[in-house]
Amino acid sequence: MATTRGPGEDVQEAGRLAAGGVSSDHGRRLGGKITSSDPPREILKRSDHLLLCCITLLSSQYWNAWVRNPARGLVEICLMHPLDVVKTRFQIQRGKTDPTSYKSLGDSFRTIFRTEGWFGFYKGILPPIMAETPKRAVKQPSTFVQAWRIITADGLGFRGLNKGLTATLGRHGVFNMVYFGFYFNVKNIIPVNEEPTLEFLRKFGIGLVSGTIASMINIPFDVAKSRIQGPQPEPGKIKYRTCFKTMATVYKEEGFLALYKGLVPKIMRLGPGGAVMLLVYEYAYAWLQENW
C-alpha cells in the first residue's frame, strides 16, 4: 500500500540528494539500482535524459548569452525609448508649415507630455523590446491585432507588413557595423585601467562615442524608414517608396540637413544608450564567466 510523505520528509530527501545521495524511494524511481553511496555523476548518468540535458544547457556558454543579451537590450530600451519617440516625430514632419511641427526639442517633450501624458513617450515600445531582447518577449494582443490589420489591408509585401524593410536593414546594418566595429577595436587600443571606477569610465566613454558616431552615420536610413512607414503627404498616394529614392526626394525637396532630422534626440538616446548596453554586456559577461 502506498504511503503518503509529509513536507518535512520531502525536505530531508532533497537535502540528501543535494549532498550526493538518494533515498531508497528515489532510487527505485530511477531504476532500482541507485544507492546512497553512488556519486552524483553516476546518479546523473542513470537519470532521465531531459534532466541531464537541462543541467548541461544551464551550465553552457549558450545560457550565458541568453542571460546577458536580454538584460543589456531591455535596460537600454526602457531608459532611452522616449528619445526614440521624439526622434521619429521630428522625422515625419515635412517642414515648418506642417501643422504638427515642433519648434524645438524641449517643445516636443512639453507638447507630447501635455497632450498624451507619460505613456505618450512609450508608444511603440513593444516592437523594440521584441527586437532587442532574445526574441525576446511575448507580444501583447494589440501588436498581433495591428499586424493582422496591416496584412489584411496591404498584404505581407513591401507595401504592407514589410514596408520600409530595405531602409530598416540599411539602418541596422550601418549602425551595427560602426557601433561594434568601433567599440571592440578602440577598446583594445586604449589600455585597461586597474582602478575599477576609471575602467568603468573607459568603457562608458568608448561606448558613448561608438553609439554617437554610428547614429550620425546611419540617420539618413532612419529618416527614409520613417518617411516610408509614416503617413504619406497626400492620402491615397504613395510618395515615399524605396530607401534611396526616398533619400533623394528628401534631399531634393528639403535640403541636405533634412536627412539629419531628429539627430539630436537620436544621439541623446543611442549615445548613452549604446554605452549602457555595452556596459551591461561587459559586466554581465564577466560575472557569468566568473560564476558559471
C-alpha atoms as a PDB file:
ATOM      1  CA  MET A   1       0.000   0.000   0.000  1.00  0.00           C
ATOM      2  CA  ALA A   2       1.334   3.439  -0.962  1.00  0.00           C
ATOM      3  CA  THR A   3       2.313   5.738   1.878  1.00  0.00           C
ATOM      4  CA  THR A   4       1.969   9.499   1.983  1.00  0.00           C
ATOM      5  CA  ARG A   5       5.031  11.510   2.913  1.00  0.00           C
ATOM      6  CA  GLY A   6       4.886  14.802   4.738  1.00  0.00           C
ATOM      7  CA  PRO A   7       6.607  18.028   3.674  1.00  0.00           C
ATOM      8  CA  GLY A   8       9.334  17.512   6.231  1.00  0.00           C
ATOM      9  CA  GLU A   9      10.296  14.168   4.706  1.00  0.00           C
ATOM     10  CA  ASP A  10      10.446  15.770   1.236  1.00  0.00           C
ATOM     11  CA  VAL A  11      12.798  18.444   2.547  1.00  0.00           C
ATOM     12  CA  GLN A  12      15.020  15.830   4.190  1.00  0.00           C
ATOM     13  CA  GLU A  13      15.190  13.818   0.984  1.00  0.00           C
ATOM     14  CA  ALA A  14      16.054  16.940  -1.018  1.00  0.00           C
ATOM     15  CA  GLY A  15      18.900  17.566   1.419  1.00  0.00           C
ATOM     16  CA  ARG A  16      20.229  14.045   0.932  1.00  0.00           C
ATOM     17  CA  LEU A  17      20.064  14.475  -2.846  1.00  0.00           C
ATOM     18  CA  ALA A  18      21.945  17.780  -2.687  1.00  0.00           C
ATOM     19  CA  ALA A  19      24.628  16.123  -0.581  1.00  0.00           C
ATOM     20  CA  GLY A  20      25.189  13.463  -3.223  1.00  0.00           C
ATOM     21  CA  GLY A  21      22.969  10.648  -2.028  1.00  0.00           C
ATOM     22  CA  VAL A  22      19.436   9.469  -2.728  1.00  0.00           C
ATOM     23  CA  SER A  23      16.678   7.803  -0.752  1.00  0.00           C
ATOM     24  CA  SER A  24      15.549   4.284  -1.444  1.00  0.00           C
ATOM     25  CA  ASP A  25      12.243   5.611  -2.834  1.00  0.00           C
ATOM     26  CA  HIS A  26      14.070   7.893  -5.238  1.00  0.00           C
ATOM     27  CA  GLY A  27      16.448   5.094  -6.164  1.00  0.00           C
ATOM     28  CA  ARG A  28      13.573   2.842  -7.156  1.00  0.00           C
ATOM     29  CA  ARG A  29      12.080   5.609  -9.285  1.00  0.00           C
ATOM     30  CA  LEU A  30      15.376   5.960 -11.180  1.00  0.00           C
ATOM     31  CA  GLY A  31      15.654   2.294 -11.956  1.00  0.00           C
ATOM     32  CA  GLY A  32      16.061   0.447  -8.692  1.00  0.00           C
ATOM     33  CA  LYS A  33      19.859   0.189  -8.687  1.00  0.00           C
ATOM     34  CA  ILE A  34      20.923   3.510  -7.184  1.00  0.00           C
ATOM     35  CA  THR A  35      22.170   3.552  -3.627  1.00  0.00           C
ATOM     36  CA  SER A  36      23.072   6.406  -1.314  1.00  0.00           C
ATOM     37  CA  SER A  37      26.743   5.614  -1.844  1.00  0.00           C
ATOM     38  CA  ASP A  38      26.600   6.357  -5.581  1.00  0.00           C
ATOM     39  CA  PRO A  39      28.444   9.583  -6.536  1.00  0.00           C
ATOM     40  CA  PRO A  40      26.364  12.399  -8.099  1.00  0.00           C
ATOM     41  CA  ARG A  41      27.850  11.782 -11.566  1.00  0.00           C
ATOM     42  CA  GLU A  42      26.606   8.186 -11.553  1.00  0.00           C
ATOM     43  CA  ILE A  43      23.165   9.345 -10.492  1.00  0.00           C
ATOM     44  CA  LEU A  44      23.030  11.780 -13.413  1.00  0.00           C
ATOM     45  CA  LYS A  45      24.093   9.063 -15.842  1.00  0.00           C
ATOM     46  CA  ARG A  46      21.097   6.977 -14.829  1.00  0.00           C
ATOM     47  CA  SER A  47      18.629   9.878 -14.621  1.00  0.00           C
ATOM     48  CA  ASP A  48      16.308  10.587 -17.473  1.00  0.00           C
ATOM     49  CA  HIS A  49      17.786  12.400 -20.459  1.00  0.00           C
ATOM     50  CA  LEU A  50      15.715  15.534 -20.039  1.00  0.00           C
ATOM     51  CA  LEU A  51      17.228  16.293 -16.625  1.00  0.00           C
ATOM     52  CA  LEU A  52      20.747  15.743 -17.954  1.00  0.00           C
ATOM     53  CA  CYS A  53      20.100  17.958 -20.968  1.00  0.00           C
ATOM     54  CA  CYS A  54      18.713  20.741 -18.761  1.00  0.00           C
ATOM     55  CA  ILE A  55      21.753  20.685 -16.458  1.00  0.00           C
ATOM     56  CA  THR A  56      24.120  20.681 -19.425  1.00  0.00           C
ATOM     57  CA  LEU A  57      22.262  23.576 -21.024  1.00  0.00           C
ATOM     58  CA  LEU A  58      22.207  25.678 -17.872  1.00  0.00           C
ATOM     59  CA  SER A  59      25.969  25.341 -17.480  1.00  0.00           C
ATOM     60  CA  SER A  60      26.794  26.025 -21.128  1.00  0.00           C
ATOM     61  CA  GLN A  61      28.028  29.128 -22.871  1.00  0.00           C
ATOM     62  CA  TYR A  62      24.656  29.454 -24.594  1.00  0.00           C
ATOM     63  CA  TRP A  63      22.885  30.029 -21.281  1.00  0.00           C
ATOM     64  CA  ASN A  64      25.366  32.803 -20.517  1.00  0.00           C
ATOM     65  CA  ALA A  65      24.420  34.520 -23.770  1.00  0.00           C
ATOM     66  CA  TRP A  66      20.697  34.085 -23.130  1.00  0.00           C
ATOM     67  CA  VAL A  67      21.077  35.841 -19.773  1.00  0.00           C
ATOM     68  CA  ARG A  68      23.301  38.766 -20.706  1.00  0.00           C
ATOM     69  CA  ASN A  69      21.878  39.636 -24.134  1.00  0.00           C
ATOM     70  CA  PRO A  70      18.270  40.207 -22.994  1.00  0.00           C
ATOM     71  CA  ALA A  71      19.463  42.230 -19.994  1.00  0.00           C
ATOM     72  CA  ARG A  72      21.519  44.727 -21.963  1.00  0.00           C
ATOM     73  CA  GLY A  73      18.825  45.292 -24.586  1.00  0.00           C
ATOM     74  CA  LEU A  74      15.951  45.655 -22.135  1.00  0.00           C
ATOM     75  CA  VAL A  75      17.751  48.154 -19.878  1.00  0.00           C
ATOM     76  CA  GLU A  76      18.751  50.335 -22.828  1.00  0.00           C
ATOM     77  CA  ILE A  77      15.257  50.346 -24.352  1.00  0.00           C
ATOM     78  CA  CYS A  78      13.453  51.246 -21.124  1.00  0.00           C
ATOM     79  CA  LEU A  79      15.798  54.158 -20.441  1.00  0.00           C
ATOM     80  CA  MET A  80      16.024  55.593 -23.936  1.00  0.00           C
ATOM     81  CA  HIS A  81      12.743  54.904 -25.741  1.00  0.00           C
ATOM     82  CA  PRO A  82      11.252  58.398 -25.111  1.00  0.00           C
ATOM     83  CA  LEU A  83      14.058  59.907 -27.178  1.00  0.00           C
ATOM     84  CA  ASP A  84      13.278  57.492 -29.993  1.00  0.00           C
ATOM     85  CA  VAL A  85       9.656  58.642 -29.977  1.00  0.00           C
ATOM     86  CA  VAL A  86      10.724  62.297 -30.202  1.00  0.00           C
ATOM     87  CA  LYS A  87      13.215  61.482 -32.967  1.00  0.00           C
ATOM     88  CA  THR A  88      10.535  59.776 -35.053  1.00  0.00           C
ATOM     89  CA  ARG A  89       8.115  62.675 -34.552  1.00  0.00           C
ATOM     90  CA  PHE A  90      10.743  65.064 -35.921  1.00  0.00           C
ATOM     91  CA  GLN A  91      11.495  62.827 -38.885  1.00  0.00           C
ATOM     92  CA  ILE A  92       7.916  62.515 -40.130  1.00  0.00           C
ATOM     93  CA  GLN A  93       7.476  66.308 -40.236  1.00  0.00           C
ATOM     94  CA  ARG A  94       7.699  67.770 -43.711  1.00  0.00           C
ATOM     95  CA  GLY A  95       8.804  71.301 -42.871  1.00  0.00           C
ATOM     96  CA  LYS A  96       7.845  74.286 -40.757  1.00  0.00           C
ATOM     97  CA  THR A  97       4.466  74.527 -42.487  1.00  0.00           C
ATOM     98  CA  ASP A  98       3.487  71.127 -41.102  1.00  0.00           C
ATOM     99  CA  PRO A  99       0.713  71.812 -38.523  1.00  0.00           C
ATOM    100  CA  THR A 100       2.188  69.182 -36.214  1.00  0.00           C
ATOM    101  CA  SER A 101       5.664  70.724 -36.360  1.00  0.00           C
ATOM    102  CA  TYR A 102       7.611  71.003 -33.099  1.00  0.00           C
ATOM    103  CA  LYS A 103       9.590  74.191 -32.547  1.00  0.00           C
ATOM    104  CA  SER A 104      12.445  72.588 -30.608  1.00  0.00           C
ATOM    105  CA  LEU A 105      13.486  69.522 -28.654  1.00  0.00           C
ATOM    106  CA  GLY A 106      12.093  70.987 -25.434  1.00  0.00           C
ATOM    107  CA  ASP A 107       8.859  71.962 -27.166  1.00  0.00           C
ATOM    108  CA  SER A 108       8.396  68.406 -28.431  1.00  0.00           C
ATOM    109  CA  PHE A 109       8.779  66.956 -24.913  1.00  0.00           C
ATOM    110  CA  ARG A 110       6.355  69.514 -23.454  1.00  0.00           C
ATOM    111  CA  THR A 111       3.784  69.001 -26.209  1.00  0.00           C
ATOM    112  CA  ILE A 112       3.830  65.212 -26.005  1.00  0.00           C
ATOM    113  CA  PHE A 113       3.552  65.284 -22.205  1.00  0.00           C
ATOM    114  CA  ARG A 114       0.734  67.870 -22.280  1.00  0.00           C
ATOM    115  CA  THR A 115      -1.329  66.150 -24.976  1.00  0.00           C
ATOM    116  CA  GLU A 116      -0.539  62.452 -24.422  1.00  0.00           C
ATOM    117  CA  GLY A 117       0.814  62.129 -20.885  1.00  0.00           C
ATOM    118  CA  TRP A 118       3.726  59.956 -19.736  1.00  0.00           C
ATOM    119  CA  PHE A 119       2.567  56.995 -21.789  1.00  0.00           C
ATOM    120  CA  GLY A 120       2.970  59.073 -24.917  1.00  0.00           C
ATOM    121  CA  PHE A 121       6.747  58.734 -24.563  1.00  0.00           C
ATOM    122  CA  TYR A 122       6.465  54.935 -24.557  1.00  0.00           C
ATOM    123  CA  LYS A 123       4.275  54.477 -27.616  1.00  0.00           C
ATOM    124  CA  GLY A 124       5.618  51.693 -29.778  1.00  0.00           C
ATOM    125  CA  ILE A 125       7.979  50.336 -27.114  1.00  0.00           C
ATOM    126  CA  LEU A 126       6.843  46.732 -27.567  1.00  0.00           C
ATOM    127  CA  PRO A 127       8.409  46.147 -31.022  1.00  0.00           C
ATOM    128  CA  PRO A 128      11.859  47.373 -29.889  1.00  0.00           C
ATOM    129  CA  ILE A 129      11.677  45.150 -26.818  1.00  0.00           C
ATOM    130  CA  MET A 130      10.808  42.231 -29.044  1.00  0.00           C
ATOM    131  CA  ALA A 131      13.689  43.019 -31.381  1.00  0.00           C
ATOM    132  CA  GLU A 132      16.367  43.683 -28.772  1.00  0.00           C
ATOM    133  CA  THR A 133      15.609  41.062 -26.115  1.00  0.00           C
ATOM    134  CA  PRO A 134      16.000  37.384 -27.081  1.00  0.00           C
ATOM    135  CA  LYS A 135      13.146  37.386 -29.495  1.00  0.00           C
ATOM    136  CA  ARG A 136      12.667  38.287 -26.558  1.00  0.00           C
ATOM    137  CA  ALA A 137       9.370  38.904 -25.128  1.00  0.00           C
ATOM    138  CA  VAL A 138       5.881  37.639 -25.785  1.00  0.00           C
ATOM    139  CA  LYS A 139       3.743  40.008 -27.932  1.00  0.00           C
ATOM    140  CA  GLN A 140       0.706  41.677 -26.425  1.00  0.00           C
ATOM    141  CA  PRO A 141      -2.564  41.183 -28.224  1.00  0.00           C
ATOM    142  CA  SER A 142      -2.647  44.709 -29.621  1.00  0.00           C
ATOM    143  CA  THR A 143       0.506  44.082 -31.640  1.00  0.00           C
ATOM    144  CA  PHE A 144      -0.978  40.953 -33.209  1.00  0.00           C
ATOM    145  CA  VAL A 145      -4.163  42.864 -33.990  1.00  0.00           C
ATOM    146  CA  GLN A 146      -2.257  45.699 -35.627  1.00  0.00           C
ATOM    147  CA  ALA A 147      -0.098  43.302 -37.627  1.00  0.00           C
ATOM    148  CA  TRP A 148      -3.202  41.459 -38.814  1.00  0.00           C
ATOM    149  CA  ARG A 149      -4.823  44.742 -39.880  1.00  0.00           C
ATOM    150  CA  ILE A 150      -1.762  45.636 -41.969  1.00  0.00           C
ATOM    151  CA  ILE A 151      -1.664  42.177 -43.563  1.00  0.00           C
ATOM    152  CA  THR A 152      -5.394  42.268 -44.296  1.00  0.00           C
ATOM    153  CA  ALA A 153      -5.246  45.734 -45.847  1.00  0.00           C
ATOM    154  CA  ASP A 154      -1.924  45.644 -47.703  1.00  0.00           C
ATOM    155  CA  GLY A 155      -0.516  42.124 -47.508  1.00  0.00           C
ATOM    156  CA  LEU A 156       2.950  40.935 -46.489  1.00  0.00           C
ATOM    157  CA  GLY A 157       4.957  42.689 -49.199  1.00  0.00           C
ATOM    158  CA  PHE A 158       6.836  45.979 -49.352  1.00  0.00           C
ATOM    159  CA  ARG A 159       3.556  47.901 -49.332  1.00  0.00           C
ATOM    160  CA  GLY A 160       2.291  46.032 -46.276  1.00  0.00           C
ATOM    161  CA  LEU A 161       3.924  44.424 -43.257  1.00  0.00           C
ATOM    162  CA  ASN A 162       7.412  44.677 -44.795  1.00  0.00           C
ATOM    163  CA  LYS A 163       7.123  48.329 -45.787  1.00  0.00           C
ATOM    164  CA  GLY A 164      10.461  50.047 -45.213  1.00  0.00           C
ATOM    165  CA  LEU A 165      12.391  46.774 -44.984  1.00  0.00           C
ATOM    166  CA  THR A 166      15.365  47.906 -47.080  1.00  0.00           C
ATOM    167  CA  ALA A 167      15.682  51.167 -45.151  1.00  0.00           C
ATOM    168  CA  THR A 168      15.475  49.248 -41.863  1.00  0.00           C
ATOM    169  CA  LEU A 169      18.165  46.800 -42.984  1.00  0.00           C
ATOM    170  CA  GLY A 170      20.358  49.713 -44.036  1.00  0.00           C
ATOM    171  CA  ARG A 171      19.789  51.499 -40.740  1.00  0.00           C
ATOM    172  CA  HIS A 172      20.645  48.494 -38.581  1.00  0.00           C
ATOM    173  CA  GLY A 173      23.419  47.222 -40.820  1.00  0.00           C
ATOM    174  CA  VAL A 174      25.283  50.521 -40.909  1.00  0.00           C
ATOM    175  CA  PHE A 175      24.724  51.198 -37.199  1.00  0.00           C
ATOM    176  CA  ASN A 176      25.949  47.797 -36.022  1.00  0.00           C
ATOM    177  CA  MET A 177      28.918  47.828 -38.371  1.00  0.00           C
ATOM    178  CA  VAL A 178      30.141  51.156 -36.972  1.00  0.00           C
ATOM    179  CA  TYR A 179      28.968  50.623 -33.374  1.00  0.00           C
ATOM    180  CA  PHE A 180      30.533  47.238 -32.671  1.00  0.00           C
ATOM    181  CA  GLY A 181      33.480  47.732 -35.024  1.00  0.00           C
ATOM    182  CA  PHE A 182      34.496  50.993 -33.352  1.00  0.00           C
ATOM    183  CA  TYR A 183      33.933  49.751 -29.790  1.00  0.00           C
ATOM    184  CA  PHE A 184      35.865  46.496 -29.926  1.00  0.00           C
ATOM    185  CA  ASN A 185      38.739  47.943 -31.941  1.00  0.00           C
ATOM    186  CA  VAL A 186      39.189  51.075 -29.832  1.00  0.00           C
ATOM    187  CA  LYS A 187      38.726  49.116 -26.593  1.00  0.00           C
ATOM    188  CA  ASN A 188      41.764  47.015 -27.485  1.00  0.00           C
ATOM    189  CA  ILE A 189      43.852  50.114 -28.230  1.00  0.00           C
ATOM    190  CA  ILE A 190      43.154  52.057 -25.025  1.00  0.00           C
ATOM    191  CA  PRO A 191      44.875  50.303 -22.082  1.00  0.00           C
ATOM    192  CA  VAL A 192      42.802  48.640 -19.382  1.00  0.00           C
ATOM    193  CA  ASN A 193      42.793  50.585 -16.094  1.00  0.00           C
ATOM    194  CA  GLU A 194      43.267  48.655 -12.853  1.00  0.00           C
ATOM    195  CA  GLU A 195      41.183  51.137 -10.878  1.00  0.00           C
ATOM    196  CA  PRO A 196      37.507  49.979 -11.177  1.00  0.00           C
ATOM    197  CA  THR A 197      35.995  53.475 -11.472  1.00  0.00           C
ATOM    198  CA  LEU A 198      38.391  54.562 -14.203  1.00  0.00           C
ATOM    199  CA  GLU A 199      37.879  51.274 -16.051  1.00  0.00           C
ATOM    200  CA  PHE A 200      34.119  51.824 -15.886  1.00  0.00           C
ATOM    201  CA  LEU A 201      34.568  55.334 -17.311  1.00  0.00           C
ATOM    202  CA  ARG A 202      36.862  53.996 -20.045  1.00  0.00           C
ATOM    203  CA  LYS A 203      34.254  51.511 -21.230  1.00  0.00           C
ATOM    204  CA  PHE A 204      31.425  54.015 -20.864  1.00  0.00           C
ATOM    205  CA  GLY A 205      33.309  56.641 -22.867  1.00  0.00           C
ATOM    206  CA  ILE A 206      34.129  54.249 -25.708  1.00  0.00           C
ATOM    207  CA  GLY A 207      30.531  53.019 -25.796  1.00  0.00           C
ATOM    208  CA  LEU A 208      29.229  56.604 -25.821  1.00  0.00           C
ATOM    209  CA  VAL A 209      31.436  57.585 -28.761  1.00  0.00           C
ATOM    210  CA  SER A 210      30.543  54.357 -30.583  1.00  0.00           C
ATOM    211  CA  GLY A 211      26.807  54.988 -30.292  1.00  0.00           C
ATOM    212  CA  THR A 212      27.188  58.658 -31.262  1.00  0.00           C
ATOM    213  CA  ILE A 213      29.258  58.036 -34.392  1.00  0.00           C
ATOM    214  CA  ALA A 214      27.044  55.153 -35.516  1.00  0.00           C
ATOM    215  CA  SER A 215      23.944  57.326 -35.060  1.00  0.00           C
ATOM    216  CA  MET A 216      25.411  60.153 -37.122  1.00  0.00           C
ATOM    217  CA  ILE A 217      26.324  57.829 -39.985  1.00  0.00           C
ATOM    218  CA  ASN A 218      23.102  55.829 -40.227  1.00  0.00           C
ATOM    219  CA  ILE A 219      20.474  58.530 -39.665  1.00  0.00           C
ATOM    220  CA  PRO A 220      19.667  59.100 -43.386  1.00  0.00           C
ATOM    221  CA  PHE A 221      18.457  55.482 -43.487  1.00  0.00           C
ATOM    222  CA  ASP A 222      16.425  56.180 -40.343  1.00  0.00           C
ATOM    223  CA  VAL A 223      14.789  59.233 -41.934  1.00  0.00           C
ATOM    224  CA  ALA A 224      13.973  57.218 -45.063  1.00  0.00           C
ATOM    225  CA  LYS A 225      12.445  54.449 -42.924  1.00  0.00           C
ATOM    226  CA  SER A 226      10.261  56.914 -41.035  1.00  0.00           C
ATOM    227  CA  ARG A 227       9.061  58.560 -44.252  1.00  0.00           C
ATOM    228  CA  ILE A 228       8.244  55.231 -45.915  1.00  0.00           C
ATOM    229  CA  GLN A 229       6.429  53.806 -42.886  1.00  0.00           C
ATOM    230  CA  GLY A 230       4.828  57.061 -41.755  1.00  0.00           C
ATOM    231  CA  PRO A 231       1.799  58.889 -43.180  1.00  0.00           C
ATOM    232  CA  GLN A 232       2.165  59.971 -46.805  1.00  0.00           C
ATOM    233  CA  PRO A 233       1.751  63.687 -47.690  1.00  0.00           C
ATOM    234  CA  GLU A 234      -1.300  63.036 -49.877  1.00  0.00           C
ATOM    235  CA  PRO A 235      -3.904  60.479 -48.765  1.00  0.00           C
ATOM    236  CA  GLY A 236      -4.233  57.611 -51.217  1.00  0.00           C
ATOM    237  CA  LYS A 237      -0.967  58.432 -52.983  1.00  0.00           C
ATOM    238  CA  ILE A 238       2.372  56.811 -52.114  1.00  0.00           C
ATOM    239  CA  LYS A 239       5.201  59.331 -52.410  1.00  0.00           C
ATOM    240  CA  TYR A 240       7.975  57.563 -50.482  1.00  0.00           C
ATOM    241  CA  ARG A 241       8.571  54.043 -51.807  1.00  0.00           C
ATOM    242  CA  THR A 242      12.182  52.814 -51.730  1.00  0.00           C
ATOM    243  CA  CYS A 243      15.102  53.643 -49.457  1.00  0.00           C
ATOM    244  CA  PHE A 244      17.488  55.522 -51.748  1.00  0.00           C
ATOM    245  CA  LYS A 245      14.735  57.109 -53.813  1.00  0.00           C
ATOM    246  CA  THR A 246      13.229  58.480 -50.606  1.00  0.00           C
ATOM    247  CA  MET A 247      16.616  59.914 -49.581  1.00  0.00           C
ATOM    248  CA  ALA A 248      16.940  61.583 -52.990  1.00  0.00           C
ATOM    249  CA  THR A 249      13.429  63.042 -52.749  1.00  0.00           C
ATOM    250  CA  VAL A 250      14.009  64.424 -49.255  1.00  0.00           C
ATOM    251  CA  TYR A 251      17.355  65.920 -50.338  1.00  0.00           C
ATOM    252  CA  LYS A 252      15.873  67.497 -53.468  1.00  0.00           C
ATOM    253  CA  GLU A 253      12.789  68.989 -51.797  1.00  0.00           C
ATOM    254  CA  GLU A 254      14.045  69.839 -48.304  1.00  0.00           C
ATOM    255  CA  GLY A 255      17.831  70.039 -48.496  1.00  0.00           C
ATOM    256  CA  PHE A 256      20.753  68.057 -47.129  1.00  0.00           C
ATOM    257  CA  LEU A 257      20.018  68.783 -43.464  1.00  0.00           C
ATOM    258  CA  ALA A 258      16.582  67.190 -43.796  1.00  0.00           C
ATOM    259  CA  LEU A 259      18.352  63.815 -43.971  1.00  0.00           C
ATOM    260  CA  TYR A 260      19.590  64.505 -40.431  1.00  0.00           C
ATOM    261  CA  LYS A 261      16.265  65.404 -38.857  1.00  0.00           C
ATOM    262  CA  GLY A 262      15.972  64.026 -35.361  1.00  0.00           C
ATOM    263  CA  LEU A 263      19.745  63.687 -34.976  1.00  0.00           C
ATOM    264  CA  VAL A 264      19.902  65.370 -31.547  1.00  0.00           C
ATOM    265  CA  PRO A 265      17.323  63.131 -29.793  1.00  0.00           C
ATOM    266  CA  LYS A 266      18.764  60.118 -31.628  1.00  0.00           C
ATOM    267  CA  ILE A 267      22.245  60.854 -30.278  1.00  0.00           C
ATOM    268  CA  MET A 268      20.827  61.602 -26.833  1.00  0.00           C
ATOM    269  CA  ARG A 269      19.217  58.184 -26.906  1.00  0.00           C
ATOM    270  CA  LEU A 270      21.754  55.971 -28.665  1.00  0.00           C
ATOM    271  CA  GLY A 271      24.910  57.677 -27.393  1.00  0.00           C
ATOM    272  CA  PRO A 272      24.341  56.967 -23.684  1.00  0.00           C
ATOM    273  CA  GLY A 273      22.101  54.040 -24.616  1.00  0.00           C
ATOM    274  CA  GLY A 274      24.911  52.444 -26.573  1.00  0.00           C
ATOM    275  CA  ALA A 275      27.230  52.910 -23.613  1.00  0.00           C
ATOM    276  CA  VAL A 276      24.694  51.379 -21.196  1.00  0.00           C
ATOM    277  CA  MET A 277      24.069  48.392 -23.442  1.00  0.00           C
ATOM    278  CA  LEU A 278      27.755  47.575 -23.830  1.00  0.00           C
ATOM    279  CA  LEU A 279      28.445  48.095 -20.121  1.00  0.00           C
ATOM    280  CA  VAL A 280      25.655  45.687 -19.191  1.00  0.00           C
ATOM    281  CA  TYR A 281      27.079  43.213 -21.691  1.00  0.00           C
ATOM    282  CA  GLU A 282      30.652  43.545 -20.406  1.00  0.00           C
ATOM    283  CA  TYR A 283      29.839  43.251 -16.703  1.00  0.00           C
ATOM    284  CA  ALA A 284      27.182  40.548 -17.139  1.00  0.00           C
ATOM    285  CA  TYR A 285      29.605  38.541 -19.284  1.00  0.00           C
ATOM    286  CA  ALA A 286      32.396  38.936 -16.723  1.00  0.00           C
ATOM    287  CA  TRP A 287      30.089  37.866 -13.874  1.00  0.00           C
ATOM    288  CA  LEU A 288      28.854  34.840 -15.777  1.00  0.00           C
ATOM    289  CA  GLN A 289      32.384  33.822 -16.715  1.00  0.00           C
ATOM    290  CA  GLU A 290      33.404  34.008 -13.069  1.00  0.00           C
ATOM    291  CA  ASN A 291      30.361  32.291 -11.582  1.00  0.00           C
ATOM    292  CA  TRP A 292      29.297  29.822 -14.247  1.00  0.00           C
END
